[in-house]
PDB file of N, CA and C in Angstrom:
ATOM      1  N   MET A   1    -166.875-238.026 108.760  1.00  0.00           N
ATOM      2  CA  MET A   1    -166.550-236.937 109.468  1.00  0.00           C
ATOM      3  C   MET A   1    -165.998-235.776 108.573  1.00  0.00           C
ATOM      4  N   ALA A   2    -165.319-236.442 107.287  1.00  0.00           N
ATOM      5  CA  ALA A   2    -164.862-235.183 106.598  1.00  0.00           C
ATOM      6  C   ALA A   2    -165.554-234.562 105.544  1.00  0.00           C
ATOM      7  N   PHE A   3    -166.695-235.526 105.429  1.00  0.00           N
ATOM      8  CA  PHE A   3    -168.313-234.418 104.687  1.00  0.00           C
ATOM      9  C   PHE A   3    -168.692-233.430 105.448  1.00  0.00           C
ATOM     10  N   GLN A   4    -167.805-233.424 106.546  1.00  0.00           N
ATOM     11  CA  GLN A   4    -169.224-232.638 108.016  1.00  0.00           C
ATOM     12  C   GLN A   4    -168.356-231.351 107.840  1.00  0.00           C
ATOM     13  N   LEU A   5    -167.008-231.910 107.898  1.00  0.00           N
ATOM     14  CA  LEU A   5    -165.924-230.290 108.245  1.00  0.00           C
ATOM     15  C   LEU A   5    -166.464-229.887 106.652  1.00  0.00           C
ATOM     16  N   ARG A   6    -166.019-230.756 105.440  1.00  0.00           N
ATOM     17  CA  ARG A   6    -165.901-229.723 104.088  1.00  0.00           C
ATOM     18  C   ARG A   6    -167.681-228.894 103.955  1.00  0.00           C
ATOM     19  N   HIS A   7    -168.863-229.732 104.189  1.00  0.00           N
ATOM     20  CA  HIS A   7    -169.808-229.061 104.554  1.00  0.00           C
ATOM     21  C   HIS A   7    -170.209-228.046 105.076  1.00  0.00           C
ATOM     22  N   ILE A   8    -169.069-227.611 106.297  1.00  0.00           N
ATOM     23  CA  ILE A   8    -169.046-226.417 107.311  1.00  0.00           C
ATOM     24  C   ILE A   8    -168.676-225.374 106.151  1.00  0.00           C
ATOM     25  N   ASP A   9    -167.555-225.716 105.813  1.00  0.00           N
ATOM     26  CA  ASP A   9    -166.810-224.759 104.838  1.00  0.00           C
ATOM     27  C   ASP A   9    -167.734-224.143 103.655  1.00  0.00           C
ATOM     28  N   GLY A  10    -168.389-225.134 103.128  1.00  0.00           N
ATOM     29  CA  GLY A  10    -169.452-224.684 101.052  1.00  0.00           C
ATOM     30  C   GLY A  10    -169.838-223.855 102.777  1.00  0.00           C
ATOM     31  N   SER A  11    -170.833-224.523 103.288  1.00  0.00           N
ATOM     32  CA  SER A  11    -172.238-223.965 104.280  1.00  0.00           C
ATOM     33  C   SER A  11    -171.551-221.917 104.786  1.00  0.00           C
ATOM     34  N   ILE A  12    -170.239-222.152 105.095  1.00  0.00           N
ATOM     35  CA  ILE A  12    -170.158-220.832 105.495  1.00  0.00           C
ATOM     36  C   ILE A  12    -169.893-220.064 104.456  1.00  0.00           C
ATOM     37  N   ASP A  13    -169.359-220.377 103.268  1.00  0.00           N
ATOM     38  CA  ASP A  13    -169.140-220.005 101.943  1.00  0.00           C
ATOM     39  C   ASP A  13    -170.662-219.239 101.080  1.00  0.00           C
ATOM     40  N   GLY A  14    -171.407-220.670 101.036  1.00  0.00           N
ATOM     41  CA  GLY A  14    -173.028-219.756 100.822  1.00  0.00           C
ATOM     42  C   GLY A  14    -172.891-219.184 101.720  1.00  0.00           C
ATOM     43  N   LEU A  15    -173.493-219.165 103.186  1.00  0.00           N
ATOM     44  CA  LEU A  15    -174.373-218.408 103.370  1.00  0.00           C
ATOM     45  C   LEU A  15    -174.076-216.598 102.952  1.00  0.00           C
ATOM     46  N   LEU A  16    -172.481-216.626 103.977  1.00  0.00           N
ATOM     47  CA  LEU A  16    -172.482-215.388 103.617  1.00  0.00           C
ATOM     48  C   LEU A  16    -172.377-214.514 101.984  1.00  0.00           C
ATOM     49  N   THR A  17    -172.356-215.349 100.849  1.00  0.00           N
ATOM     50  CA  THR A  17    -172.151-214.779  99.580  1.00  0.00           C
ATOM     51  C   THR A  17    -173.744-214.776  99.282  1.00  0.00           C
ATOM     52  N   TYR A  18    -174.729-215.314  99.751  1.00  0.00           N
ATOM     53  CA  TYR A  18    -176.169-214.980  99.864  1.00  0.00           C
ATOM     54  C   TYR A  18    -176.183-213.444 100.289  1.00  0.00           C
ATOM     55  N   ALA A  19    -175.873-213.230 102.189  1.00  0.00           N
ATOM     56  CA  ALA A  19    -175.667-212.143 102.836  1.00  0.00           C
ATOM     57  C   ALA A  19    -175.294-211.159 101.907  1.00  0.00           C
ATOM     58  N   GLU A  20    -173.940-211.445 101.509  1.00  0.00           N
ATOM     59  CA  GLU A  20    -173.205-210.388 100.238  1.00  0.00           C
ATOM     60  C   GLU A  20    -174.643-209.649  98.978  1.00  0.00           C
ATOM     61  N   GLY A  21    -175.666-210.372  98.799  1.00  0.00           N
ATOM     62  CA  GLY A  21    -176.440-209.992  97.934  1.00  0.00           C
ATOM     63  C   GLY A  21    -176.275-210.948  96.916  1.00  0.00           C
ATOM     64  N   ARG A  22    -175.432-212.256  97.159  1.00  0.00           N
ATOM     65  CA  ARG A  22    -175.292-212.768  95.551  1.00  0.00           C
ATOM     66  C   ARG A  22    -175.627-214.297  95.000  1.00  0.00           C
ATOM     67  N   THR A  23    -175.994-214.581  94.573  1.00  0.00           N
ATOM     68  CA  THR A  23    -176.092-215.728  93.876  1.00  0.00           C
ATOM     69  C   THR A  23    -174.803-216.853  93.709  1.00  0.00           C
ATOM     70  N   LEU A  24    -175.183-218.274  94.108  1.00  0.00           N
ATOM     71  CA  LEU A  24    -173.982-218.907  94.338  1.00  0.00           C
ATOM     72  C   LEU A  24    -173.114-219.187  92.938  1.00  0.00           C
ATOM     73  N   SER A  25    -171.863-219.469  92.342  1.00  0.00           N
ATOM     74  CA  SER A  25    -171.273-219.258  91.412  1.00  0.00           C
ATOM     75  C   SER A  25    -171.194-220.492  90.696  1.00  0.00           C
ATOM     76  N   GLU A  26    -170.915-220.932  89.665  1.00  0.00           N
ATOM     77  CA  GLU A  26    -170.638-222.474  89.073  1.00  0.00           C
ATOM     78  C   GLU A  26    -169.517-223.062  89.758  1.00  0.00           C
ATOM     79  N   THR A  27    -168.871-222.682  90.670  1.00  0.00           N
ATOM     80  CA  THR A  27    -167.215-222.870  91.085  1.00  0.00           C
ATOM     81  C   THR A  27    -167.631-223.220  92.785  1.00  0.00           C
ATOM     82  N   GLN A  28    -169.036-222.454  93.055  1.00  0.00           N
ATOM     83  CA  GLN A  28    -169.816-223.056  94.692  1.00  0.00           C
ATOM     84  C   GLN A  28    -170.738-224.088  94.135  1.00  0.00           C
ATOM     85  N   MET A  29    -171.432-223.908  92.743  1.00  0.00           N
ATOM     86  CA  MET A  29    -172.263-225.146  93.165  1.00  0.00           C
ATOM     87  C   MET A  29    -171.270-226.564  92.737  1.00  0.00           C
ATOM     88  N   GLN A  30    -170.403-226.382  92.324  1.00  0.00           N
ATOM     89  CA  GLN A  30    -169.243-227.654  92.138  1.00  0.00           C
ATOM     90  C   GLN A  30    -168.836-228.167  93.142  1.00  0.00           C
ATOM     91  N   THR A  31    -168.294-227.418  94.040  1.00  0.00           N
ATOM     92  CA  THR A  31    -168.230-227.594  95.466  1.00  0.00           C
ATOM     93  C   THR A  31    -168.632-228.821  96.341  1.00  0.00           C
ATOM     94  N   LEU A  32    -170.012-228.149  96.189  1.00  0.00           N
ATOM     95  CA  LEU A  32    -171.180-228.730  96.425  1.00  0.00           C
ATOM     96  C   LEU A  32    -171.163-230.397  96.547  1.00  0.00           C
ATOM     97  N   GLN A  33    -171.055-230.491  95.202  1.00  0.00           N
ATOM     98  CA  GLN A  33    -170.748-231.836  94.383  1.00  0.00           C
ATOM     99  C   GLN A  33    -169.605-232.989  95.351  1.00  0.00           C
ATOM    100  N   ILE A  34    -168.466-231.806  95.187  1.00  0.00           N
ATOM    101  CA  ILE A  34    -166.956-232.726  95.694  1.00  0.00           C
ATOM    102  C   ILE A  34    -167.166-232.687  96.675  1.00  0.00           C
ATOM    103  N   GLU A  35    -167.917-231.731  97.670  1.00  0.00           N
ATOM    104  CA  GLU A  35    -167.147-231.821  99.156  1.00  0.00           C
ATOM    105  C   GLU A  35    -168.515-233.809 100.064  1.00  0.00           C
ATOM    106  N   LYS A  36    -168.899-234.274  98.811  1.00  0.00           N
ATOM    107  CA  LYS A  36    -169.761-235.372  99.061  1.00  0.00           C
ATOM    108  C   LYS A  36    -169.062-236.357  98.845  1.00  0.00           C
ATOM    109  N   ARG A  37    -167.774-236.444  98.143  1.00  0.00           N
ATOM    110  CA  ARG A  37    -166.780-237.223  98.052  1.00  0.00           C
ATOM    111  C   ARG A  37    -165.723-237.567  99.264  1.00  0.00           C
ATOM    112  N   PRO A  38    -165.877-238.162  99.816  1.00  0.00           N
ATOM    113  CA  PRO A  38    -164.136-238.814  99.955  1.00  0.00           C
ATOM    114  C   PRO A  38    -162.777-238.197 100.008  1.00  0.00           C
ATOM    115  N   GLN A  39    -162.111-237.323  99.973  1.00  0.00           N
ATOM    116  CA  GLN A  39    -160.887-236.999  99.500  1.00  0.00           C
ATOM    117  C   GLN A  39    -160.031-236.230 100.626  1.00  0.00           C
ATOM    118  N   GLY A  40    -158.923-236.534 100.632  1.00  0.00           N
ATOM    119  CA  GLY A  40    -158.140-235.740 101.425  1.00  0.00           C
ATOM    120  C   GLY A  40    -157.862-235.865 102.613  1.00  0.00           C
ATOM    121  N   THR A  41    -156.561-235.991 102.999  1.00  0.00           N
ATOM    122  CA  THR A  41    -155.935-236.167 104.213  1.00  0.00           C
ATOM    123  C   THR A  41    -156.571-235.479 105.784  1.00  0.00           C
ATOM    124  N   THR A  42    -157.151-235.882 107.072  1.00  0.00           N
ATOM    125  CA  THR A  42    -157.550-234.921 107.635  1.00  0.00           C
ATOM    126  C   THR A  42    -156.950-233.747 107.739  1.00  0.00           C
ATOM    127  N   GLU A  43    -155.712-233.218 107.989  1.00  0.00           N
ATOM    128  CA  GLU A  43    -154.257-232.298 107.907  1.00  0.00           C
ATOM    129  C   GLU A  43    -155.582-231.018 107.067  1.00  0.00           C
ATOM    130  N   LYS A  44    -155.674-231.787 105.462  1.00  0.00           N
ATOM    131  CA  LYS A  44    -155.643-230.529 104.627  1.00  0.00           C
ATOM    132  C   LYS A  44    -157.032-230.750 104.653  1.00  0.00           C
ATOM    133  N   ILE A  45    -157.507-231.261 105.315  1.00  0.00           N
ATOM    134  CA  ILE A  45    -159.703-230.651 105.271  1.00  0.00           C
ATOM    135  C   ILE A  45    -159.950-229.696 106.523  1.00  0.00           C
ATOM    136  N   LEU A  46    -158.427-229.798 107.652  1.00  0.00           N
ATOM    137  CA  LEU A  46    -158.811-229.143 108.796  1.00  0.00           C
ATOM    138  C   LEU A  46    -157.846-227.263 107.844  1.00  0.00           C
ATOM    139  N   ALA A  47    -157.236-227.516 107.506  1.00  0.00           N
ATOM    140  CA  ALA A  47    -156.368-226.494 107.135  1.00  0.00           C
ATOM    141  C   ALA A  47    -157.014-226.033 106.176  1.00  0.00           C
ATOM    142  N   ALA A  48    -158.113-226.488 104.805  1.00  0.00           N
ATOM    143  CA  ALA A  48    -159.006-225.818 104.571  1.00  0.00           C
ATOM    144  C   ALA A  48    -159.797-225.377 105.058  1.00  0.00           C
ATOM    145  N   LEU A  49    -160.486-225.600 106.456  1.00  0.00           N
ATOM    146  CA  LEU A  49    -161.426-225.812 106.816  1.00  0.00           C
ATOM    147  C   LEU A  49    -161.030-224.079 107.523  1.00  0.00           C
ATOM    148  N   ASP A  50    -160.214-224.357 108.540  1.00  0.00           N
ATOM    149  CA  ASP A  50    -159.554-223.636 108.957  1.00  0.00           C
ATOM    150  C   ASP A  50    -159.002-221.396 108.014  1.00  0.00           C
ATOM    151  N   ALA A  51    -158.492-221.844 107.038  1.00  0.00           N
ATOM    152  CA  ALA A  51    -158.542-220.657 105.804  1.00  0.00           C
ATOM    153  C   ALA A  51    -159.901-220.562 105.513  1.00  0.00           C
ATOM    154  N   ALA A  52    -161.266-221.545 105.096  1.00  0.00           N
ATOM    155  CA  ALA A  52    -162.490-220.357 104.730  1.00  0.00           C
ATOM    156  C   ALA A  52    -163.062-220.169 106.539  1.00  0.00           C
ATOM    157  N   ILE A  53    -162.714-220.201 107.338  1.00  0.00           N
ATOM    158  CA  ILE A  53    -163.487-219.356 108.517  1.00  0.00           C
ATOM    159  C   ILE A  53    -162.192-217.863 109.099  1.00  0.00           C
ATOM    160  N   VAL A  54    -160.846-217.698 108.445  1.00  0.00           N
ATOM    161  CA  VAL A  54    -160.569-216.921 108.565  1.00  0.00           C
ATOM    162  C   VAL A  54    -161.116-215.685 107.633  1.00  0.00           C
ATOM    163  N   HIS A  55    -161.360-216.419 106.546  1.00  0.00           N
ATOM    164  CA  HIS A  55    -161.749-216.576 105.005  1.00  0.00           C
ATOM    165  C   HIS A  55    -163.280-215.179 105.323  1.00  0.00           C
ATOM    166  N   ALA A  56    -164.214-215.867 106.265  1.00  0.00           N
ATOM    167  CA  ALA A  56    -164.925-215.430 106.695  1.00  0.00           C
ATOM    168  C   ALA A  56    -165.140-214.369 107.363  1.00  0.00           C
ATOM    169  N   GLY A  57    -164.281-214.126 108.176  1.00  0.00           N
ATOM    170  CA  GLY A  57    -164.229-213.338 108.818  1.00  0.00           C
ATOM    171  C   GLY A  57    -163.821-212.172 108.308  1.00  0.00           C
ATOM    172  N   ARG A  58    -163.431-211.861 107.574  1.00  0.00           N
ATOM    173  CA  ARG A  58    -162.958-211.068 106.953  1.00  0.00           C
ATOM    174  C   ARG A  58    -164.253-210.409 106.103  1.00  0.00           C
ATOM    175  N   ARG A  59    -164.262-211.419 105.609  1.00  0.00           N
ATOM    176  CA  ARG A  59    -166.080-210.873 104.982  1.00  0.00           C
ATOM    177  C   ARG A  59    -167.051-210.225 105.708  1.00  0.00           C
ATOM    178  N   VAL A  60    -167.164-211.403 106.933  1.00  0.00           N
ATOM    179  CA  VAL A  60    -168.506-210.749 107.801  1.00  0.00           C
ATOM    180  C   VAL A  60    -167.650-209.190 108.428  1.00  0.00           C
ATOM    181  N   ARG A  61    -166.859-209.228 108.499  1.00  0.00           N
ATOM    182  CA  ARG A  61    -166.665-207.676 109.056  1.00  0.00           C
ATOM    183  C   ARG A  61    -166.698-206.553 107.761  1.00  0.00           C
ATOM    184  N   ALA A  62    -166.785-206.799 106.590  1.00  0.00           N
ATOM    185  CA  ALA A  62    -166.649-205.939 105.422  1.00  0.00           C
ATOM    186  C   ALA A  62    -168.536-205.727 105.800  1.00  0.00           C
ATOM    187  N   LEU A  63    -169.241-206.697 106.182  1.00  0.00           N
ATOM    188  CA  LEU A  63    -171.046-206.748 106.189  1.00  0.00           C
ATOM    189  C   LEU A  63    -171.352-206.112 107.281  1.00  0.00           C
ATOM    190  N   ALA A  64    -170.593-206.101 108.891  1.00  0.00           N
ATOM    191  CA  ALA A  64    -171.586-205.466 109.868  1.00  0.00           C
ATOM    192  C   ALA A  64    -171.816-204.678 109.871  1.00  0.00           C
ATOM    193  N   SER A  65    -171.908-203.693 109.019  1.00  0.00           N
ATOM    194  CA  SER A  65    -172.209-202.274 109.261  1.00  0.00           C
ATOM    195  C   SER A  65    -172.818-201.953 108.220  1.00  0.00           C
ATOM    196  N   LEU A  66    -173.352-202.593 107.207  1.00  0.00           N
ATOM    197  CA  LEU A  66    -174.552-202.495 106.658  1.00  0.00           C
ATOM    198  C   LEU A  66    -176.130-203.313 107.317  1.00  0.00           C
ATOM    199  N   ASP A  67    -176.737-202.102 107.058  1.00  0.00           N
ATOM    200  CA  ASP A  67    -178.373-202.801 107.683  1.00  0.00           C
ATOM    201  C   ASP A  67    -179.098-204.155 107.387  1.00  0.00           C
ATOM    202  N   PRO A  68    -178.795-204.731 108.727  1.00  0.00           N
ATOM    203  CA  PRO A  68    -179.659-205.591 109.370  1.00  0.00           C
ATOM    204  C   PRO A  68    -181.056-206.310 107.698  1.00  0.00           C
ATOM    205  N   ALA A  69    -182.271-205.315 107.519  1.00  0.00           N
ATOM    206  CA  ALA A  69    -182.959-205.425 107.193  1.00  0.00           C
ATOM    207  C   ALA A  69    -183.134-205.406 105.927  1.00  0.00           C
ATOM    208  N   LEU A  70    -181.678-205.115 104.874  1.00  0.00           N
ATOM    209  CA  LEU A  70    -182.036-205.579 103.956  1.00  0.00           C
ATOM    210  C   LEU A  70    -181.891-206.809 103.693  1.00  0.00           C
ATOM    211  N   PRO A  71    -182.624-206.262 102.026  1.00  0.00           N
ATOM    212  CA  PRO A  71    -183.680-207.504 101.409  1.00  0.00           C
ATOM    213  C   PRO A  71    -182.148-209.063 100.609  1.00  0.00           C
ATOM    214  N   ARG A  72    -182.585-209.847 100.604  1.00  0.00           N
ATOM    215  CA  ARG A  72    -181.490-210.900  99.891  1.00  0.00           C
ATOM    216  C   ARG A  72    -182.240-211.720  99.569  1.00  0.00           C
ATOM    217  N   THR A  73    -182.040-212.631  98.582  1.00  0.00           N
ATOM    218  CA  THR A  73    -182.463-214.190  98.161  1.00  0.00           C
ATOM    219  C   THR A  73    -181.536-215.047  98.337  1.00  0.00           C
ATOM    220  N   VAL A  74    -182.032-216.016  99.086  1.00  0.00           N
ATOM    221  CA  VAL A  74    -181.869-217.258  98.927  1.00  0.00           C
ATOM    222  C   VAL A  74    -181.896-218.695  98.389  1.00  0.00           C
ATOM    223  N   GLY A  75    -180.645-219.642  97.441  1.00  0.00           N
ATOM    224  CA  GLY A  75    -181.341-220.902  96.913  1.00  0.00           C
ATOM    225  C   GLY A  75    -181.173-220.488  95.671  1.00  0.00           C
ATOM    226  N   LYS A  76    -181.399-221.674  94.790  1.00  0.00           N
ATOM    227  CA  LYS A  76    -181.833-221.701  93.345  1.00  0.00           C
ATOM    228  C   LYS A  76    -183.122-220.891  93.360  1.00  0.00           C
ATOM    229  N   LYS A  77    -184.358-220.859  94.255  1.00  0.00           N
ATOM    230  CA  LYS A  77    -185.220-220.563  94.410  1.00  0.00           C
ATOM    231  C   LYS A  77    -185.604-219.385  94.747  1.00  0.00           C
ATOM    232  N   GLN A  78    -184.514-218.180  94.714  1.00  0.00           N
ATOM    233  CA  GLN A  78    -184.136-216.795  95.516  1.00  0.00           C
ATOM    234  C   GLN A  78    -185.644-216.590  96.503  1.00  0.00           C
ATOM    235  N   LEU A  79    -185.473-217.665  97.877  1.00  0.00           N
ATOM    236  CA  LEU A  79    -186.168-216.832  98.545  1.00  0.00           C
ATOM    237  C   LEU A  79    -185.831-215.401  99.338  1.00  0.00           C
ATOM    238  N   PRO A  80    -186.873-215.150 100.080  1.00  0.00           N
ATOM    239  CA  PRO A  80    -186.699-213.843  99.756  1.00  0.00           C
ATOM    240  C   PRO A  80    -186.401-213.659 101.516  1.00  0.00           C
ATOM    241  N   ALA A  81    -185.046-213.125 101.492  1.00  0.00           N
ATOM    242  CA  ALA A  81    -185.046-213.499 102.856  1.00  0.00           C
ATOM    243  C   ALA A  81    -184.179-211.683 102.830  1.00  0.00           C
ATOM    244  N   THR A  82    -183.415-211.351 104.771  1.00  0.00           N
ATOM    245  CA  THR A  82    -182.719-210.281 105.427  1.00  0.00           C
ATOM    246  C   THR A  82    -181.548-210.720 105.223  1.00  0.00           C
ATOM    247  N   LEU A  83    -180.491-209.724 104.778  1.00  0.00           N
ATOM    248  CA  LEU A  83    -179.119-209.425 105.358  1.00  0.00           C
ATOM    249  C   LEU A  83    -178.719-210.093 107.079  1.00  0.00           C
ATOM    250  N   GLY A  84    -180.049-209.800 107.536  1.00  0.00           N
ATOM    251  CA  GLY A  84    -180.040-209.925 109.102  1.00  0.00           C
ATOM    252  C   GLY A  84    -180.438-211.904 109.642  1.00  0.00           C
ATOM    253  N   GLY A  85    -181.093-212.311 108.278  1.00  0.00           N
ATOM    254  CA  GLY A  85    -181.873-213.664 108.866  1.00  0.00           C
ATOM    255  C   GLY A  85    -180.520-214.123 108.226  1.00  0.00           C
ATOM    256  N   CYS A  86    -179.360-214.201 106.194  1.00  0.00           N
ATOM    257  CA  CYS A  86    -178.313-214.574 106.871  1.00  0.00           C
ATOM    258  C   CYS A  86    -177.383-214.887 107.519  1.00  0.00           C
ATOM    259  N   TRP A  87    -177.116-213.337 108.707  1.00  0.00           N
ATOM    260  CA  TRP A  87    -175.872-213.168 109.326  1.00  0.00           C
ATOM    261  C   TRP A  87    -176.676-214.318 110.565  1.00  0.00           C
ATOM    262  N   PHE A  88    -177.628-214.370 111.309  1.00  0.00           N
ATOM    263  CA  PHE A  88    -178.200-215.199 111.809  1.00  0.00           C
ATOM    264  C   PHE A  88    -177.932-216.454 111.684  1.00  0.00           C
ATOM    265  N   THR A  89    -178.062-217.181 110.802  1.00  0.00           N
ATOM    266  CA  THR A  89    -178.240-218.692 110.434  1.00  0.00           C
ATOM    267  C   THR A  89    -177.187-218.677 110.187  1.00  0.00           C
ATOM    268  N   TRP A  90    -175.915-217.883 109.652  1.00  0.00           N
ATOM    269  CA  TRP A  90    -174.437-217.836 110.001  1.00  0.00           C
ATOM    270  C   TRP A  90    -173.569-218.324 111.345  1.00  0.00           C
ATOM    271  N   ARG A  91    -174.317-217.060 112.091  1.00  0.00           N
ATOM    272  CA  ARG A  91    -173.619-217.679 113.926  1.00  0.00           C
ATOM    273  C   ARG A  91    -174.400-218.638 113.983  1.00  0.00           C
ATOM    274  N   ILE A  92    -175.889-219.564 113.420  1.00  0.00           N
ATOM    275  CA  ILE A  92    -175.950-220.372 114.254  1.00  0.00           C
ATOM    276  C   ILE A  92    -174.760-222.354 113.626  1.00  0.00           C
ATOM    277  N   THR A  93    -174.463-221.783 112.600  1.00  0.00           N
ATOM    278  CA  THR A  93    -173.816-222.385 111.802  1.00  0.00           C
ATOM    279  C   THR A  93    -172.261-222.656 112.789  1.00  0.00           C
ATOM    280  N   GLN A  94    -171.848-221.395 112.951  1.00  0.00           N
ATOM    281  CA  GLN A  94    -170.221-221.460 113.898  1.00  0.00           C
ATOM    282  C   GLN A  94    -170.368-221.723 115.222  1.00  0.00           C
ATOM    283  N   ASN A  95    -171.950-221.409 116.149  1.00  0.00           N
ATOM    284  CA  ASN A  95    -171.728-222.318 116.992  1.00  0.00           C
ATOM    285  C   ASN A  95    -172.128-223.511 117.195  1.00  0.00           C
ATOM    286  N   ALA A  96    -172.504-224.209 116.283  1.00  0.00           N
ATOM    287  CA  ALA A  96    -172.548-225.748 115.924  1.00  0.00           C
ATOM    288  C   ALA A  96    -171.212-226.277 115.868  1.00  0.00           C
ATOM    289  N   THR A  97    -170.200-225.856 115.418  1.00  0.00           N
ATOM    290  CA  THR A  97    -169.021-226.178 115.131  1.00  0.00           C
ATOM    291  C   THR A  97    -167.725-226.274 116.383  1.00  0.00           C
TER     292      THR A  97
END
């Protein structure tokens, strides 16, 4: 369960990074590896997830006025996407939690 909660945090961060037109940073790549390791108390994991969702809300509000057709790329292979596609994927992630 801890992995899934940490993964939600990282997935939201990654999708919003792509939506902002950026690639994942080295820190974000390291976080992907760390999330696989069982560590932290339930309270710490939930607090980190809560903080990530609050931060994500700020980022989403900053993106809300942009054209959803803006081109974006996703992942190591820089697959073509749009801001709207990133937004849609983020909403699916949110509804799954």
